[in-house]
């Protein structure tokens, strides 16, 4: 059953490089995720400075957290919304 579903939805496979390799997409995606919030120039600069190890999902979550802080998203809002780097025990 699962095989059949795979072949129904796997008509085309898109391979995209990670977000860190596509900095030109960061602003477009961030504005899409922000929707009814405003991203300041400082916030966009802060987004571009991050290396995005969590790829597009991390960007989406950072914007969602920042939107809960303010409807005008500043660089400090972005910085406050990054997860701390996980450490190995």
C-alpha atoms as a PDB file:
ATOM      1  CA  UNK A   1       0.000   0.000   0.000  1.00  0.00           C
ATOM      2  CA  UNK A   2       2.763   2.472   0.893  1.00  0.00           C
ATOM      3  CA  UNK A   3       4.621   1.685  -2.325  1.00  0.00           C
ATOM      4  CA  UNK A   4       1.564   2.590  -4.375  1.00  0.00           C
ATOM      5  CA  UNK A   5       1.248   5.921  -2.562  1.00  0.00           C
ATOM      6  CA  UNK A   6       4.929   6.651  -3.149  1.00  0.00           C
ATOM      7  CA  UNK A   7       4.571   6.156  -6.890  1.00  0.00           C
ATOM      8  CA  UNK A   8       1.455   8.339  -6.985  1.00  0.00           C
ATOM      9  CA  UNK A   9       3.178  11.315  -5.384  1.00  0.00           C
ATOM     10  CA  UNK A  10       6.783  10.842  -6.541  1.00  0.00           C
ATOM     11  CA  UNK A  11       6.276  12.034 -10.100  1.00  0.00           C
ATOM     12  CA  UNK A  12       9.055  14.602  -9.871  1.00  0.00           C
ATOM     13  CA  UNK A  13      11.824  14.891  -7.341  1.00  0.00           C
ATOM     14  CA  UNK A  14      13.144  18.367  -6.629  1.00  0.00           C
ATOM     15  CA  UNK A  15      16.585  18.606  -5.155  1.00  0.00           C
ATOM     16  CA  UNK A  16      17.248  21.932  -3.484  1.00  0.00           C
ATOM     17  CA  UNK A  17      20.493  22.919  -1.855  1.00  0.00           C
ATOM     18  CA  UNK A  18      20.269  23.866   1.835  1.00  0.00           C
ATOM     19  CA  UNK A  19      19.092  27.367   2.698  1.00  0.00           C
ATOM     20  CA  UNK A  20      22.636  28.286   3.760  1.00  0.00           C
ATOM     21  CA  UNK A  21      23.638  27.855   0.107  1.00  0.00           C
ATOM     22  CA  UNK A  22      20.691  29.937  -1.156  1.00  0.00           C
ATOM     23  CA  UNK A  23      20.927  33.258   0.720  1.00  0.00           C
ATOM     24  CA  UNK A  24      18.930  34.948  -2.035  1.00  0.00           C
ATOM     25  CA  UNK A  25      15.855  32.966  -0.866  1.00  0.00           C
ATOM     26  CA  UNK A  26      16.013  34.024   2.804  1.00  0.00           C
ATOM     27  CA  UNK A  27      14.198  37.353   2.424  1.00  0.00           C
ATOM     28  CA  UNK A  28      11.468  35.940   0.175  1.00  0.00           C
ATOM     29  CA  UNK A  29      10.793  33.037   2.530  1.00  0.00           C
ATOM     30  CA  UNK A  30      10.958  35.223   5.655  1.00  0.00           C
ATOM     31  CA  UNK A  31       8.445  37.693   4.214  1.00  0.00           C
ATOM     32  CA  UNK A  32       6.161  34.815   3.270  1.00  0.00           C
ATOM     33  CA  UNK A  33       6.320  33.336   6.779  1.00  0.00           C
ATOM     34  CA  UNK A  34       5.893  36.775   8.408  1.00  0.00           C
ATOM     35  CA  UNK A  35       2.643  37.496   6.509  1.00  0.00           C
ATOM     36  CA  UNK A  36       0.896  40.101   8.721  1.00  0.00           C
ATOM     37  CA  UNK A  37       4.065  41.221  10.477  1.00  0.00           C
ATOM     38  CA  UNK A  38       6.723  43.667   9.317  1.00  0.00           C
ATOM     39  CA  UNK A  39      10.376  42.708   9.084  1.00  0.00           C
ATOM     40  CA  UNK A  40      12.779  45.607   9.603  1.00  0.00           C
ATOM     41  CA  UNK A  41      15.975  45.921   7.596  1.00  0.00           C
ATOM     42  CA  UNK A  42      17.905  45.000  10.738  1.00  0.00           C
ATOM     43  CA  UNK A  43      15.868  41.804  11.099  1.00  0.00           C
ATOM     44  CA  UNK A  44      16.626  40.858   7.493  1.00  0.00           C
ATOM     45  CA  UNK A  45      20.328  41.503   8.034  1.00  0.00           C
ATOM     46  CA  UNK A  46      20.234  39.286  11.141  1.00  0.00           C
ATOM     47  CA  UNK A  47      18.467  36.530   9.179  1.00  0.00           C
ATOM     48  CA  UNK A  48      21.139  36.650   6.470  1.00  0.00           C
ATOM     49  CA  UNK A  49      23.893  36.384   9.094  1.00  0.00           C
ATOM     50  CA  UNK A  50      22.622  33.032  10.381  1.00  0.00           C
ATOM     51  CA  UNK A  51      23.878  29.767   8.839  1.00  0.00           C
ATOM     52  CA  UNK A  52      20.490  27.951   9.019  1.00  0.00           C
ATOM     53  CA  UNK A  53      21.466  24.448  10.148  1.00  0.00           C
ATOM     54  CA  UNK A  54      17.745  23.661  10.457  1.00  0.00           C
ATOM     55  CA  UNK A  55      17.127  24.859   6.899  1.00  0.00           C
ATOM     56  CA  UNK A  56      13.737  26.318   5.873  1.00  0.00           C
ATOM     57  CA  UNK A  57      11.875  24.782   8.831  1.00  0.00           C
ATOM     58  CA  UNK A  58      14.176  26.596  11.237  1.00  0.00           C
ATOM     59  CA  UNK A  59      13.539  29.875   9.395  1.00  0.00           C
ATOM     60  CA  UNK A  60       9.787  29.315   9.587  1.00  0.00           C
ATOM     61  CA  UNK A  61       9.954  28.625  13.343  1.00  0.00           C
ATOM     62  CA  UNK A  62      12.170  31.649  14.030  1.00  0.00           C
ATOM     63  CA  UNK A  63       9.723  33.925  12.189  1.00  0.00           C
ATOM     64  CA  UNK A  64       6.744  32.366  14.009  1.00  0.00           C
ATOM     65  CA  UNK A  65       8.437  32.965  17.393  1.00  0.00           C
ATOM     66  CA  UNK A  66       9.351  36.521  16.436  1.00  0.00           C
ATOM     67  CA  UNK A  67       5.755  37.252  15.346  1.00  0.00           C
ATOM     68  CA  UNK A  68       4.565  36.260  18.822  1.00  0.00           C
ATOM     69  CA  UNK A  69       6.935  38.877  20.275  1.00  0.00           C
ATOM     70  CA  UNK A  70       5.905  41.778  18.041  1.00  0.00           C
ATOM     71  CA  UNK A  71       4.094  42.682  14.836  1.00  0.00           C
ATOM     72  CA  UNK A  72       7.173  44.679  13.807  1.00  0.00           C
ATOM     73  CA  UNK A  73      10.070  42.251  13.903  1.00  0.00           C
ATOM     74  CA  UNK A  74      13.427  43.791  14.802  1.00  0.00           C
ATOM     75  CA  UNK A  75      16.915  42.245  14.770  1.00  0.00           C
ATOM     76  CA  UNK A  76      16.719  41.682  18.550  1.00  0.00           C
ATOM     77  CA  UNK A  77      13.463  39.758  18.117  1.00  0.00           C
ATOM     78  CA  UNK A  78      15.169  37.480  15.609  1.00  0.00           C
ATOM     79  CA  UNK A  79      18.205  36.935  17.838  1.00  0.00           C
ATOM     80  CA  UNK A  80      15.978  36.076  20.798  1.00  0.00           C
ATOM     81  CA  UNK A  81      14.167  33.427  18.752  1.00  0.00           C
ATOM     82  CA  UNK A  82      17.109  31.255  17.768  1.00  0.00           C
ATOM     83  CA  UNK A  83      17.363  27.959  19.605  1.00  0.00           C
ATOM     84  CA  UNK A  84      20.510  27.597  21.643  1.00  0.00           C
ATOM     85  CA  UNK A  85      23.040  25.339  19.995  1.00  0.00           C
ATOM     86  CA  UNK A  86      22.436  21.780  21.167  1.00  0.00           C
ATOM     87  CA  UNK A  87      25.326  20.368  23.129  1.00  0.00           C
ATOM     88  CA  UNK A  88      26.434  16.745  23.189  1.00  0.00           C
ATOM     89  CA  UNK A  89      26.539  15.075  26.575  1.00  0.00           C
END
